Amino acid sequence: MTVTELISKFEALPQRQQEEVTEFVDFLATRHPVRPKPRVSAMGKYAHVQTSSEEFARRKSEEIDLEDRKR
């Protein structure tokens, strides 16, 4: 359901039901506030990795060569 569809359905409700829905949404928002997840940068997440992307590509190429030789 899109937001537009939701708004249309909400607006079609009688006034009293709109008030009840609004109160319920307010209740949910105050009881369970939505908190954004903390962002983790790639630099911080992989700071312990001691290799460059070129080195990684070289190692992967070597692994592929080894697998091909086994066949």
PDB file of N, CA and C in Angstrom:
ATOM      1  N   MET A   1       0.850  -1.167   0.000  1.00  0.00           N
ATOM      2  CA  MET A   1       0.000   0.000   0.000  1.00  0.00           C
ATOM      3  C   MET A   1       0.902   1.238   0.000  1.00  0.00           C
ATOM      4  N   THR A   2       0.604   2.150  -0.860  1.00  0.00           N
ATOM      5  CA  THR A   2       1.392   3.379  -0.936  1.00  0.00           C
ATOM      6  C   THR A   2       0.883   4.384   0.087  1.00  0.00           C
ATOM      7  N   VAL A   3       1.661   5.395   0.316  1.00  0.00           N
ATOM      8  CA  VAL A   3       1.262   6.448   1.256  1.00  0.00           C
ATOM      9  C   VAL A   3       0.004   7.141   0.741  1.00  0.00           C
ATOM     10  N   THR A   4      -0.049   7.345  -0.551  1.00  0.00           N
ATOM     11  CA  THR A   4      -1.226   7.993  -1.136  1.00  0.00           C
ATOM     12  C   THR A   4      -2.481   7.162  -0.895  1.00  0.00           C
ATOM     13  N   GLU A   5      -2.384   5.846  -1.070  1.00  0.00           N
ATOM     14  CA  GLU A   5      -3.524   4.968  -0.813  1.00  0.00           C
ATOM     15  C   GLU A   5      -3.919   5.007   0.659  1.00  0.00           C
ATOM     16  N   LEU A   6      -2.936   5.030   1.524  1.00  0.00           N
ATOM     17  CA  LEU A   6      -3.194   5.071   2.961  1.00  0.00           C
ATOM     18  C   LEU A   6      -3.911   6.364   3.333  1.00  0.00           C
ATOM     19  N   ILE A   7      -3.446   7.462   2.791  1.00  0.00           N
ATOM     20  CA  ILE A   7      -4.079   8.762   3.074  1.00  0.00           C
ATOM     21  C   ILE A   7      -5.514   8.770   2.569  1.00  0.00           C
ATOM     22  N   SER A   8      -5.737   8.212   1.389  1.00  0.00           N
ATOM     23  CA  SER A   8      -7.101   8.158   0.835  1.00  0.00           C
ATOM     24  C   SER A   8      -8.026   7.359   1.740  1.00  0.00           C
ATOM     25  N   LYS A   9      -7.539   6.222   2.211  1.00  0.00           N
ATOM     26  CA  LYS A   9      -8.357   5.399   3.111  1.00  0.00           C
ATOM     27  C   LYS A   9      -8.623   6.128   4.428  1.00  0.00           C
ATOM     28  N   PHE A  10      -7.595   6.816   4.935  1.00  0.00           N
ATOM     29  CA  PHE A  10      -7.750   7.565   6.183  1.00  0.00           C
ATOM     30  C   PHE A  10      -8.800   8.658   6.007  1.00  0.00           C
ATOM     31  N   GLU A  11      -8.711   9.380   4.896  1.00  0.00           N
ATOM     32  CA  GLU A  11      -9.651  10.482   4.656  1.00  0.00           C
ATOM     33  C   GLU A  11     -11.078   9.996   4.440  1.00  0.00           C
ATOM     34  N   ALA A  12     -11.233   8.741   4.022  1.00  0.00           N
ATOM     35  CA  ALA A  12     -12.576   8.191   3.809  1.00  0.00           C
ATOM     36  C   ALA A  12     -13.250   7.780   5.120  1.00  0.00           C
ATOM     37  N   LEU A  13     -12.473   7.694   6.195  1.00  0.00           N
ATOM     38  CA  LEU A  13     -13.035   7.313   7.490  1.00  0.00           C
ATOM     39  C   LEU A  13     -13.879   8.441   8.064  1.00  0.00           C
ATOM     40  N   PRO A  14     -14.860   8.085   8.878  1.00  0.00           N
ATOM     41  CA  PRO A  14     -15.612   9.119   9.600  1.00  0.00           C
ATOM     42  C   PRO A  14     -14.679   9.871  10.554  1.00  0.00           C
ATOM     43  N   GLN A  15     -15.044  11.083  10.899  1.00  0.00           N
ATOM     44  CA  GLN A  15     -14.207  11.957  11.729  1.00  0.00           C
ATOM     45  C   GLN A  15     -13.753  11.277  13.022  1.00  0.00           C
ATOM     46  N   ARG A  16     -14.671  10.583  13.692  1.00  0.00           N
ATOM     47  CA  ARG A  16     -14.328   9.939  14.974  1.00  0.00           C
ATOM     48  C   ARG A  16     -13.267   8.869  14.775  1.00  0.00           C
ATOM     49  N   GLN A  17     -13.364   8.082  13.714  1.00  0.00           N
ATOM     50  CA  GLN A  17     -12.361   7.056  13.455  1.00  0.00           C
ATOM     51  C   GLN A  17     -11.012   7.686  13.080  1.00  0.00           C
ATOM     52  N   GLN A  18     -11.048   8.799  12.373  1.00  0.00           N
ATOM     53  CA  GLN A  18      -9.798   9.507  12.065  1.00  0.00           C
ATOM     54  C   GLN A  18      -9.103   9.942  13.356  1.00  0.00           C
ATOM     55  N   GLU A  19      -9.907  10.421  14.301  1.00  0.00           N
ATOM     56  CA  GLU A  19      -9.350  10.835  15.591  1.00  0.00           C
ATOM     57  C   GLU A  19      -8.750   9.645  16.328  1.00  0.00           C
ATOM     58  N   GLU A  20      -9.438   8.493  16.299  1.00  0.00           N
ATOM     59  CA  GLU A  20      -8.927   7.297  16.961  1.00  0.00           C
ATOM     60  C   GLU A  20      -7.611   6.829  16.330  1.00  0.00           C
ATOM     61  N   VAL A  21      -7.575   6.848  15.017  1.00  0.00           N
ATOM     62  CA  VAL A  21      -6.345   6.447  14.324  1.00  0.00           C
ATOM     63  C   VAL A  21      -5.212   7.403  14.673  1.00  0.00           C
ATOM     64  N   THR A  22      -5.497   8.690  14.678  1.00  0.00           N
ATOM     65  CA  THR A  22      -4.484   9.688  15.008  1.00  0.00           C
ATOM     66  C   THR A  22      -3.968   9.494  16.434  1.00  0.00           C
ATOM     67  N   GLU A  23      -4.879   9.251  17.381  1.00  0.00           N
ATOM     68  CA  GLU A  23      -4.469   8.999  18.765  1.00  0.00           C
ATOM     69  C   GLU A  23      -3.595   7.755  18.868  1.00  0.00           C
ATOM     70  N   PHE A  24      -3.957   6.710  18.117  1.00  0.00           N
ATOM     71  CA  PHE A  24      -3.186   5.476  18.148  1.00  0.00           C
ATOM     72  C   PHE A  24      -1.790   5.685  17.565  1.00  0.00           C
ATOM     73  N   VAL A  25      -1.701   6.406  16.481  1.00  0.00           N
ATOM     74  CA  VAL A  25      -0.390   6.693  15.874  1.00  0.00           C
ATOM     75  C   VAL A  25       0.456   7.520  16.837  1.00  0.00           C
ATOM     76  N   ASP A  26      -0.149   8.495  17.493  1.00  0.00           N
ATOM     77  CA  ASP A  26       0.583   9.285  18.500  1.00  0.00           C
ATOM     78  C   ASP A  26       1.077   8.395  19.630  1.00  0.00           C
ATOM     79  N   PHE A  27       0.221   7.475  20.070  1.00  0.00           N
ATOM     80  CA  PHE A  27       0.599   6.545  21.131  1.00  0.00           C
ATOM     81  C   PHE A  27       1.802   5.713  20.713  1.00  0.00           C
ATOM     82  N   LEU A  28       1.744   5.155  19.511  1.00  0.00           N
ATOM     83  CA  LEU A  28       2.864   4.345  19.022  1.00  0.00           C
ATOM     84  C   LEU A  28       4.150   5.167  18.905  1.00  0.00           C
ATOM     85  N   ALA A  29       4.017   6.390  18.439  1.00  0.00           N
ATOM     86  CA  ALA A  29       5.193   7.237  18.252  1.00  0.00           C
ATOM     87  C   ALA A  29       5.854   7.602  19.575  1.00  0.00           C
ATOM     88  N   THR A  30       5.062   7.770  20.621  1.00  0.00           N
ATOM     89  CA  THR A  30       5.652   8.142  21.910  1.00  0.00           C
ATOM     90  C   THR A  30       6.115   6.921  22.694  1.00  0.00           C
ATOM     91  N   ARG A  31       5.440   5.802  22.485  1.00  0.00           N
ATOM     92  CA  ARG A  31       5.810   4.596  23.225  1.00  0.00           C
ATOM     93  C   ARG A  31       6.992   3.879  22.587  1.00  0.00           C
ATOM     94  N   HIS A  32       7.045   3.878  21.287  1.00  0.00           N
ATOM     95  CA  HIS A  32       8.109   3.209  20.539  1.00  0.00           C
ATOM     96  C   HIS A  32       8.685   4.159  19.502  1.00  0.00           C
ATOM     97  N   PRO A  33       9.423   5.159  19.940  1.00  0.00           N
ATOM     98  CA  PRO A  33       9.958   6.098  18.960  1.00  0.00           C
ATOM     99  C   PRO A  33      10.913   5.394  17.986  1.00  0.00           C
ATOM    100  N   VAL A  34      10.827   5.794  16.753  1.00  0.00           N
ATOM    101  CA  VAL A  34      11.699   5.221  15.728  1.00  0.00           C
ATOM    102  C   VAL A  34      13.044   5.915  15.826  1.00  0.00           C
ATOM    103  N   ARG A  35      14.058   5.116  16.066  1.00  0.00           N
ATOM    104  CA  ARG A  35      15.408   5.667  16.166  1.00  0.00           C
ATOM    105  C   ARG A  35      16.211   5.210  14.966  1.00  0.00           C
ATOM    106  N   PRO A  36      16.849   6.141  14.286  1.00  0.00           N
ATOM    107  CA  PRO A  36      17.653   5.723  13.142  1.00  0.00           C
ATOM    108  C   PRO A  36      18.840   4.886  13.598  1.00  0.00           C
ATOM    109  N   LYS A  37      19.189   3.889  12.786  1.00  0.00           N
ATOM    110  CA  LYS A  37      20.330   3.053  13.109  1.00  0.00           C
ATOM    111  C   LYS A  37      21.601   3.875  12.934  1.00  0.00           C
ATOM    112  N   PRO A  38      22.553   3.689  13.835  1.00  0.00           N
ATOM    113  CA  PRO A  38      23.802   4.423  13.661  1.00  0.00           C
ATOM    114  C   PRO A  38      24.508   3.955  12.401  1.00  0.00           C
ATOM    115  N   ARG A  39      25.057   4.904  11.687  1.00  0.00           N
ATOM    116  CA  ARG A  39      25.759   4.572  10.454  1.00  0.00           C
ATOM    117  C   ARG A  39      27.185   4.168  10.784  1.00  0.00           C
ATOM    118  N   VAL A  40      27.634   3.129  10.126  1.00  0.00           N
ATOM    119  CA  VAL A  40      29.002   2.651  10.307  1.00  0.00           C
ATOM    120  C   VAL A  40      29.730   2.912   9.007  1.00  0.00           C
ATOM    121  N   SER A  41      30.769   3.695   9.090  1.00  0.00           N
ATOM    122  CA  SER A  41      31.509   3.968   7.866  1.00  0.00           C
ATOM    123  C   SER A  41      32.406   2.788   7.535  1.00  0.00           C
ATOM    124  N   ALA A  42      32.690   2.622   6.274  1.00  0.00           N
ATOM    125  CA  ALA A  42      33.564   1.532   5.836  1.00  0.00           C
ATOM    126  C   ALA A  42      34.962   1.712   6.406  1.00  0.00           C
ATOM    127  N   MET A  43      35.390   2.936   6.538  1.00  0.00           N
ATOM    128  CA  MET A  43      36.737   3.188   7.070  1.00  0.00           C
ATOM    129  C   MET A  43      36.844   2.674   8.508  1.00  0.00           C
ATOM    130  N   GLY A  44      35.838   2.925   9.309  1.00  0.00           N
ATOM    131  CA  GLY A  44      35.877   2.460  10.682  1.00  0.00           C
ATOM    132  C   GLY A  44      35.657   0.965  10.798  1.00  0.00           C
ATOM    133  N   LYS A  45      34.764   0.456  10.001  1.00  0.00           N
ATOM    134  CA  LYS A  45      34.419  -0.953  10.072  1.00  0.00           C
ATOM    135  C   LYS A  45      35.585  -1.835   9.654  1.00  0.00           C
ATOM    136  N   TYR A  46      36.358  -1.408   8.652  1.00  0.00           N
ATOM    137  CA  TYR A  46      37.450  -2.215   8.128  1.00  0.00           C
ATOM    138  C   TYR A  46      38.820  -1.597   8.418  1.00  0.00           C
ATOM    139  N   ALA A  47      38.907  -0.803   9.469  1.00  0.00           N
ATOM    140  CA  ALA A  47      40.167  -0.147   9.794  1.00  0.00           C
ATOM    141  C   ALA A  47      41.265  -1.158  10.121  1.00  0.00           C
ATOM    142  N   HIS A  48      40.881  -2.332  10.618  1.00  0.00           N
ATOM    143  CA  HIS A  48      41.866  -3.343  11.003  1.00  0.00           C
ATOM    144  C   HIS A  48      42.454  -4.083   9.803  1.00  0.00           C
ATOM    145  N   VAL A  49      41.829  -3.976   8.627  1.00  0.00           N
ATOM    146  CA  VAL A  49      42.299  -4.677   7.434  1.00  0.00           C
ATOM    147  C   VAL A  49      43.565  -3.996   6.928  1.00  0.00           C
ATOM    148  N   GLN A  50      44.606  -4.786   6.761  1.00  0.00           N
ATOM    149  CA  GLN A  50      45.910  -4.241   6.408  1.00  0.00           C
ATOM    150  C   GLN A  50      46.242  -4.373   4.923  1.00  0.00           C
ATOM    151  N   THR A  51      45.247  -4.540   4.077  1.00  0.00           N
ATOM    152  CA  THR A  51      45.525  -4.788   2.674  1.00  0.00           C
ATOM    153  C   THR A  51      44.772  -3.821   1.770  1.00  0.00           C
ATOM    154  N   SER A  52      45.333  -3.568   0.612  1.00  0.00           N
ATOM    155  CA  SER A  52      44.684  -2.689  -0.351  1.00  0.00           C
ATOM    156  C   SER A  52      43.759  -3.507  -1.253  1.00  0.00           C
ATOM    157  N   SER A  53      42.934  -2.821  -2.013  1.00  0.00           N
ATOM    158  CA  SER A  53      42.045  -3.523  -2.927  1.00  0.00           C
ATOM    159  C   SER A  53      42.833  -4.228  -4.027  1.00  0.00           C
ATOM    160  N   GLU A  54      43.973  -3.641  -4.431  1.00  0.00           N
ATOM    161  CA  GLU A  54      44.809  -4.279  -5.447  1.00  0.00           C
ATOM    162  C   GLU A  54      45.388  -5.594  -4.926  1.00  0.00           C
ATOM    163  N   GLU A  55      45.803  -5.588  -3.672  1.00  0.00           N
ATOM    164  CA  GLU A  55      46.344  -6.808  -3.064  1.00  0.00           C
ATOM    165  C   GLU A  55      45.256  -7.873  -2.951  1.00  0.00           C
ATOM    166  N   PHE A  56      44.064  -7.454  -2.575  1.00  0.00           N
ATOM    167  CA  PHE A  56      42.948  -8.377  -2.477  1.00  0.00           C
ATOM    168  C   PHE A  56      42.653  -8.994  -3.840  1.00  0.00           C
ATOM    169  N   ALA A  57      42.618  -8.177  -4.893  1.00  0.00           N
ATOM    170  CA  ALA A  57      42.356  -8.674  -6.241  1.00  0.00           C
ATOM    171  C   ALA A  57      43.443  -9.663  -6.672  1.00  0.00           C
ATOM    172  N   ARG A  58      44.695  -9.379  -6.319  1.00  0.00           N
ATOM    173  CA  ARG A  58      45.789 -10.276  -6.664  1.00  0.00           C
ATOM    174  C   ARG A  58      45.608 -11.628  -5.981  1.00  0.00           C
ATOM    175  N   ARG A  59      45.259 -11.615  -4.684  1.00  0.00           N
ATOM    176  CA  ARG A  59      45.054 -12.867  -3.952  1.00  0.00           C
ATOM    177  C   ARG A  59      43.888 -13.668  -4.524  1.00  0.00           C
ATOM    178  N   LYS A  60      42.802 -12.979  -4.848  1.00  0.00           N
ATOM    179  CA  LYS A  60      41.654 -13.675  -5.423  1.00  0.00           C
ATOM    180  C   LYS A  60      42.021 -14.301  -6.764  1.00  0.00           C
ATOM    181  N   SER A  61      42.799 -13.600  -7.556  1.00  0.00           N
ATOM    182  CA  SER A  61      43.235 -14.135  -8.845  1.00  0.00           C
ATOM    183  C   SER A  61      44.069 -15.395  -8.644  1.00  0.00           C
ATOM    184  N   GLU A  62      44.943 -15.373  -7.637  1.00  0.00           N
ATOM    185  CA  GLU A  62      45.757 -16.549  -7.333  1.00  0.00           C
ATOM    186  C   GLU A  62      44.873 -17.719  -6.888  1.00  0.00           C
ATOM    187  N   GLU A  63      43.853 -17.428  -6.078  1.00  0.00           N
ATOM    188  CA  GLU A  63      42.935 -18.481  -5.638  1.00  0.00           C
ATOM    189  C   GLU A  63      42.204 -19.103  -6.826  1.00  0.00           C
ATOM    190  N   ILE A  64      41.771 -18.278  -7.758  1.00  0.00           N
ATOM    191  CA  ILE A  64      41.073 -18.780  -8.933  1.00  0.00           C
ATOM    192  C   ILE A  64      42.000 -19.637  -9.766  1.00  0.00           C
ATOM    193  N   ASP A  65      43.253 -19.200  -9.922  1.00  0.00           N
ATOM    194  CA  ASP A  65      44.229 -19.990 -10.680  1.00  0.00           C
ATOM    195  C   ASP A  65      44.440 -21.357 -10.023  1.00  0.00           C
ATOM    196  N   LEU A  66      44.537 -21.378  -8.688  1.00  0.00           N
ATOM    197  CA  LEU A  66      44.712 -22.654  -7.977  1.00  0.00           C
ATOM    198  C   LEU A  66      43.500 -23.566  -8.184  1.00  0.00           C
ATOM    199  N   GLU A  67      42.301 -23.015  -8.133  1.00  0.00           N
ATOM    200  CA  GLU A  67      41.104 -23.818  -8.332  1.00  0.00           C
ATOM    201  C   GLU A  67      41.053 -24.365  -9.743  1.00  0.00           C
ATOM    202  N   ASP A  68      41.456 -23.543 -10.727  1.00  0.00           N
ATOM    203  CA  ASP A  68      41.448 -24.004 -12.118  1.00  0.00           C
ATOM    204  C   ASP A  68      42.457 -25.128 -12.340  1.00  0.00           C
ATOM    205  N   ARG A  69      43.578 -25.068 -11.667  1.00  0.00           N
ATOM    206  CA  ARG A  69      44.597 -26.112 -11.800  1.00  0.00           C
ATOM    207  C   ARG A  69      44.114 -27.442 -11.223  1.00  0.00           C
ATOM    208  N   LYS A  70      43.286 -27.386 -10.197  1.00  0.00           N
ATOM    209  CA  LYS A  70      42.782 -28.600  -9.556  1.00  0.00           C
ATOM    210  C   LYS A  70      41.841 -29.362 -10.474  1.00  0.00           C
ATOM    211  N   ARG A  71      41.245 -28.700 -11.415  1.00  0.00           N
ATOM    212  CA  ARG A  71      40.261 -29.330 -12.312  1.00  0.00           C
ATOM    213  C   ARG A  71      40.953 -30.003 -13.402  1.00  0.00           C
TER     214      ARG A  71
END
